[in-house]
Amino acid sequence: MQRCRDRALPSVSNGCLYLCNTAFMGTTRHQVTFDFGDHPRLVDVLKMMAARERTTQKAIVVDALTAYFAHKQENLAVLVAADKAFAKWDNEDDRVYDSL
């Protein structure tokens, strides 16, 4: 089990994720550690892209996660808009078509 400052951290997802929140000079820092032992090619690509773009691996991961969650939020917004658009068909007269 990995440790964060003097606290043992719970493992999540087969010991692959560790979370740590620490206070440093009045700000809270959040640390996440992943074990990519079962995805070595992904680690190689991450290192290669960081070197190629002359940036940090952290910056690549933050950009990737930001894009991922933005895409998920966009998909959710489309579903919510579709629910509103089709709300007028949610009535007793239209229920006959629900089973088709």
N, C-alpha and C. Protein backbone atom coordinates (compact mmCIF):
# COMPACT_ATOMS: atom_id res chain seq x y z
N MET A 1 0.85 -1.18 0.00
CA MET A 1 0.00 0.00 0.00
C MET A 1 0.89 1.24 0.00
N GLN A 2 0.59 2.17 -0.88
CA GLN A 2 1.35 3.40 -0.97
C GLN A 2 0.99 4.32 0.19
N ARG A 3 1.91 5.17 0.57
CA ARG A 3 1.65 6.09 1.67
C ARG A 3 1.74 7.53 1.17
N CYS A 4 0.90 8.38 1.73
CA CYS A 4 0.91 9.81 1.44
C CYS A 4 1.16 10.54 2.75
N ARG A 5 2.30 11.11 2.86
CA ARG A 5 2.71 11.72 4.13
C ARG A 5 2.54 10.69 5.22
N ASP A 6 2.11 10.73 6.26
CA ASP A 6 2.08 9.65 7.24
C ASP A 6 0.77 8.88 7.25
N ARG A 7 0.05 8.88 6.15
CA ARG A 7 -1.23 8.17 6.11
C ARG A 7 -1.18 7.07 5.07
N ALA A 8 -1.72 5.94 5.40
CA ALA A 8 -1.85 4.87 4.41
C ALA A 8 -3.00 5.22 3.49
N LEU A 9 -2.83 4.96 2.21
CA LEU A 9 -3.85 5.29 1.24
C LEU A 9 -4.64 4.06 0.83
N PRO A 10 -5.94 4.19 0.66
CA PRO A 10 -6.72 3.05 0.18
C PRO A 10 -6.46 2.84 -1.30
N SER A 11 -6.38 1.61 -1.70
CA SER A 11 -6.21 1.34 -3.12
C SER A 11 -7.57 1.20 -3.77
N VAL A 12 -7.64 1.59 -5.01
CA VAL A 12 -8.87 1.52 -5.77
C VAL A 12 -8.56 0.84 -7.09
N SER A 13 -9.47 0.05 -7.60
CA SER A 13 -9.32 -0.61 -8.90
C SER A 13 -8.07 -1.48 -8.94
N ASN A 14 -8.06 -2.50 -8.15
CA ASN A 14 -6.98 -3.48 -8.12
C ASN A 14 -5.63 -2.86 -7.79
N GLY A 15 -5.60 -1.90 -6.90
CA GLY A 15 -4.34 -1.31 -6.47
C GLY A 15 -3.72 -0.38 -7.49
N CYS A 16 -4.49 0.11 -8.46
CA CYS A 16 -3.91 0.92 -9.52
C CYS A 16 -4.07 2.41 -9.29
N LEU A 17 -4.85 2.83 -8.32
CA LEU A 17 -5.09 4.25 -8.12
C LEU A 17 -4.95 4.60 -6.65
N TYR A 18 -4.20 5.63 -6.39
CA TYR A 18 -4.05 6.12 -5.04
C TYR A 18 -4.38 7.60 -5.03
N LEU A 19 -5.12 8.05 -4.05
CA LEU A 19 -5.50 9.45 -3.95
C LEU A 19 -4.86 10.05 -2.71
N CYS A 20 -4.49 11.31 -2.82
CA CYS A 20 -3.88 11.98 -1.69
C CYS A 20 -4.25 13.46 -1.74
N ASN A 21 -4.78 13.98 -0.65
CA ASN A 21 -5.04 15.41 -0.52
C ASN A 21 -4.13 15.93 0.58
N THR A 22 -3.34 16.94 0.27
CA THR A 22 -2.45 17.51 1.27
C THR A 22 -2.62 19.01 1.28
N ALA A 23 -2.41 19.60 2.43
CA ALA A 23 -2.45 21.05 2.54
C ALA A 23 -1.02 21.57 2.51
N PHE A 24 -0.79 22.57 1.67
CA PHE A 24 0.54 23.15 1.55
C PHE A 24 0.39 24.66 1.48
N MET A 25 0.84 25.34 2.49
CA MET A 25 0.80 26.79 2.54
C MET A 25 -0.59 27.33 2.23
N GLY A 26 -1.60 26.76 2.85
CA GLY A 26 -2.95 27.27 2.70
C GLY A 26 -3.72 26.79 1.48
N THR A 27 -3.08 26.03 0.60
CA THR A 27 -3.79 25.51 -0.57
C THR A 27 -3.83 23.99 -0.47
N THR A 28 -4.88 23.42 -0.99
CA THR A 28 -5.01 21.97 -0.99
C THR A 28 -4.51 21.43 -2.32
N ARG A 29 -3.61 20.49 -2.25
CA ARG A 29 -3.10 19.84 -3.45
C ARG A 29 -3.69 18.44 -3.52
N HIS A 30 -4.07 18.04 -4.72
CA HIS A 30 -4.64 16.71 -4.92
C HIS A 30 -3.67 15.90 -5.75
N GLN A 31 -3.29 14.77 -5.24
CA GLN A 31 -2.33 13.91 -5.92
C GLN A 31 -3.01 12.60 -6.28
N VAL A 32 -2.86 12.19 -7.52
CA VAL A 32 -3.41 10.92 -7.99
C VAL A 32 -2.26 10.14 -8.61
N THR A 33 -2.11 8.90 -8.22
CA THR A 33 -1.05 8.05 -8.76
C THR A 33 -1.67 6.83 -9.42
N PHE A 34 -1.27 6.56 -10.65
CA PHE A 34 -1.78 5.41 -11.39
C PHE A 34 -0.64 4.43 -11.64
N ASP A 35 -0.95 3.16 -11.60
CA ASP A 35 0.00 2.11 -11.94
C ASP A 35 -0.38 1.60 -13.33
N PHE A 36 0.43 1.92 -14.32
CA PHE A 36 0.17 1.50 -15.70
C PHE A 36 0.99 0.27 -16.07
N GLY A 37 1.30 -0.56 -15.07
CA GLY A 37 2.10 -1.75 -15.32
C GLY A 37 1.51 -2.68 -16.35
N ASP A 38 0.18 -2.68 -16.46
CA ASP A 38 -0.46 -3.55 -17.43
C ASP A 38 -0.67 -2.85 -18.78
N HIS A 39 -0.21 -1.60 -18.91
CA HIS A 39 -0.30 -0.85 -20.17
C HIS A 39 1.03 -0.16 -20.48
N PRO A 40 2.11 -0.91 -20.64
CA PRO A 40 3.42 -0.28 -20.84
C PRO A 40 3.49 0.55 -22.12
N ARG A 41 2.77 0.17 -23.15
CA ARG A 41 2.79 0.93 -24.41
C ARG A 41 2.21 2.32 -24.20
N LEU A 42 1.19 2.43 -23.36
CA LEU A 42 0.59 3.73 -23.07
C LEU A 42 1.60 4.65 -22.37
N VAL A 43 2.38 4.10 -21.49
CA VAL A 43 3.41 4.88 -20.80
C VAL A 43 4.47 5.33 -21.81
N ASP A 44 4.86 4.44 -22.71
CA ASP A 44 5.84 4.80 -23.74
C ASP A 44 5.34 5.94 -24.62
N VAL A 45 4.08 5.87 -25.02
CA VAL A 45 3.50 6.92 -25.86
C VAL A 45 3.43 8.23 -25.09
N LEU A 46 3.05 8.18 -23.83
CA LEU A 46 3.00 9.38 -23.00
C LEU A 46 4.37 10.04 -22.91
N LYS A 47 5.39 9.27 -22.64
CA LYS A 47 6.76 9.81 -22.56
C LYS A 47 7.19 10.40 -23.88
N MET A 48 6.92 9.68 -24.98
CA MET A 48 7.32 10.12 -26.31
C MET A 48 6.61 11.43 -26.68
N MET A 49 5.31 11.51 -26.41
CA MET A 49 4.58 12.72 -26.77
C MET A 49 5.01 13.92 -25.91
N ALA A 50 5.29 13.69 -24.65
CA ALA A 50 5.75 14.78 -23.79
C ALA A 50 7.09 15.32 -24.28
N ALA A 51 7.97 14.42 -24.65
CA ALA A 51 9.28 14.85 -25.17
C ALA A 51 9.11 15.56 -26.51
N ARG A 52 8.27 15.03 -27.36
CA ARG A 52 8.06 15.61 -28.69
C ARG A 52 7.45 17.01 -28.60
N GLU A 53 6.51 17.19 -27.68
CA GLU A 53 5.85 18.48 -27.53
C GLU A 53 6.58 19.41 -26.55
N ARG A 54 7.68 18.91 -26.00
CA ARG A 54 8.48 19.67 -25.04
C ARG A 54 7.61 20.19 -23.89
N THR A 55 6.87 19.27 -23.32
CA THR A 55 6.01 19.58 -22.18
C THR A 55 6.13 18.44 -21.17
N THR A 56 5.40 18.54 -20.11
CA THR A 56 5.47 17.50 -19.08
C THR A 56 4.43 16.41 -19.34
N GLN A 57 4.68 15.26 -18.77
CA GLN A 57 3.71 14.17 -18.86
C GLN A 57 2.42 14.59 -18.16
N LYS A 58 2.55 15.33 -17.07
CA LYS A 58 1.37 15.80 -16.35
C LYS A 58 0.51 16.68 -17.27
N ALA A 59 1.13 17.57 -18.04
CA ALA A 59 0.38 18.44 -18.95
C ALA A 59 -0.38 17.63 -19.99
N ILE A 60 0.24 16.57 -20.50
CA ILE A 60 -0.42 15.71 -21.48
C ILE A 60 -1.64 15.03 -20.85
N VAL A 61 -1.47 14.50 -19.64
CA VAL A 61 -2.57 13.80 -18.95
C VAL A 61 -3.69 14.79 -18.61
N VAL A 62 -3.35 15.98 -18.14
CA VAL A 62 -4.37 16.99 -17.81
C VAL A 62 -5.15 17.37 -19.07
N ASP A 63 -4.45 17.60 -20.18
CA ASP A 63 -5.13 17.93 -21.44
C ASP A 63 -6.04 16.79 -21.88
N ALA A 64 -5.57 15.56 -21.78
CA ALA A 64 -6.36 14.41 -22.20
C ALA A 64 -7.61 14.25 -21.33
N LEU A 65 -7.45 14.39 -20.02
CA LEU A 65 -8.60 14.27 -19.12
C LEU A 65 -9.58 15.42 -19.32
N THR A 66 -9.07 16.63 -19.55
CA THR A 66 -9.94 17.77 -19.80
C THR A 66 -10.78 17.54 -21.05
N ALA A 67 -10.14 17.07 -22.12
CA ALA A 67 -10.86 16.79 -23.37
C ALA A 67 -11.88 15.66 -23.17
N TYR A 68 -11.50 14.64 -22.45
CA TYR A 68 -12.39 13.51 -22.19
C TYR A 68 -13.65 13.96 -21.46
N PHE A 69 -13.47 14.72 -20.37
CA PHE A 69 -14.63 15.15 -19.59
C PHE A 69 -15.45 16.20 -20.33
N ALA A 70 -14.83 17.04 -21.13
CA ALA A 70 -15.58 18.00 -21.95
C ALA A 70 -16.47 17.26 -22.93
N HIS A 71 -15.93 16.20 -23.53
CA HIS A 71 -16.71 15.39 -24.47
C HIS A 71 -17.88 14.72 -23.76
N LYS A 72 -17.64 14.18 -22.58
CA LYS A 72 -18.71 13.55 -21.81
C LYS A 72 -19.80 14.55 -21.45
N GLN A 73 -19.41 15.77 -21.06
CA GLN A 73 -20.38 16.80 -20.70
C GLN A 73 -21.19 17.22 -21.93
N GLU A 74 -20.53 17.30 -23.08
CA GLU A 74 -21.22 17.65 -24.32
C GLU A 74 -22.26 16.59 -24.68
N ASN A 75 -21.87 15.32 -24.55
CA ASN A 75 -22.82 14.24 -24.83
C ASN A 75 -24.02 14.30 -23.88
N LEU A 76 -23.77 14.59 -22.63
CA LEU A 76 -24.86 14.69 -21.66
C LEU A 76 -25.77 15.86 -22.01
N ALA A 77 -25.20 16.98 -22.42
CA ALA A 77 -26.01 18.14 -22.80
C ALA A 77 -26.90 17.82 -24.00
N VAL A 78 -26.39 17.06 -24.96
CA VAL A 78 -27.18 16.66 -26.12
C VAL A 78 -28.34 15.77 -25.68
N LEU A 79 -28.09 14.84 -24.76
CA LEU A 79 -29.16 13.97 -24.27
C LEU A 79 -30.24 14.75 -23.53
N VAL A 80 -29.82 15.72 -22.73
CA VAL A 80 -30.79 16.55 -22.01
C VAL A 80 -31.63 17.36 -22.99
N ALA A 81 -30.98 17.93 -24.02
CA ALA A 81 -31.71 18.69 -25.03
C ALA A 81 -32.69 17.80 -25.79
N ALA A 82 -32.27 16.58 -26.09
CA ALA A 82 -33.15 15.64 -26.80
C ALA A 82 -34.36 15.28 -25.93
N ASP A 83 -34.15 15.08 -24.64
CA ASP A 83 -35.27 14.79 -23.74
C ASP A 83 -36.29 15.92 -23.75
N LYS A 84 -35.79 17.15 -23.74
CA LYS A 84 -36.69 18.31 -23.76
C LYS A 84 -37.42 18.40 -25.10
N ALA A 85 -36.72 18.09 -26.18
CA ALA A 85 -37.33 18.20 -27.51
C ALA A 85 -38.44 17.17 -27.71
N PHE A 86 -38.28 16.01 -27.12
CA PHE A 86 -39.27 14.95 -27.31
C PHE A 86 -40.27 14.85 -26.16
N ALA A 87 -40.24 15.79 -25.24
CA ALA A 87 -41.14 15.76 -24.08
C ALA A 87 -42.60 15.83 -24.50
N LYS A 88 -42.88 16.52 -25.60
CA LYS A 88 -44.29 16.65 -26.01
C LYS A 88 -44.90 15.32 -26.41
N TRP A 89 -44.07 14.33 -26.74
CA TRP A 89 -44.60 13.01 -27.10
C TRP A 89 -44.76 12.10 -25.89
N ASP A 90 -44.42 12.59 -24.73
CA ASP A 90 -44.56 11.79 -23.52
C ASP A 90 -45.96 12.02 -22.94
N ASN A 91 -46.95 11.36 -23.55
CA ASN A 91 -48.33 11.51 -23.09
C ASN A 91 -49.08 10.19 -23.29
N GLU A 92 -50.28 10.14 -22.79
CA GLU A 92 -51.08 8.90 -22.86
C GLU A 92 -51.40 8.50 -24.29
N ASP A 93 -51.70 9.47 -25.15
CA ASP A 93 -52.05 9.15 -26.53
C ASP A 93 -50.89 8.52 -27.29
N ASP A 94 -49.70 8.92 -26.93
CA ASP A 94 -48.51 8.43 -27.64
C ASP A 94 -47.99 7.10 -27.09
N ARG A 95 -48.46 6.66 -25.94
CA ARG A 95 -47.95 5.44 -25.32
C ARG A 95 -48.13 4.21 -26.20
N VAL A 96 -49.09 4.22 -27.10
CA VAL A 96 -49.31 3.09 -27.99
C VAL A 96 -48.09 2.83 -28.87
N TYR A 97 -47.31 3.88 -29.15
CA TYR A 97 -46.14 3.73 -29.99
C TYR A 97 -44.89 3.32 -29.22
N ASP A 98 -44.91 3.36 -27.91
CA ASP A 98 -43.74 3.02 -27.09
C ASP A 98 -43.31 1.58 -27.24
N SER A 99 -44.21 0.69 -27.56
CA SER A 99 -43.88 -0.73 -27.66
C SER A 99 -43.45 -1.16 -29.06
N LEU A 100 -43.47 -0.26 -30.02
CA LEU A 100 -43.09 -0.62 -31.39
C LEU A 100 -41.61 -0.73 -31.58
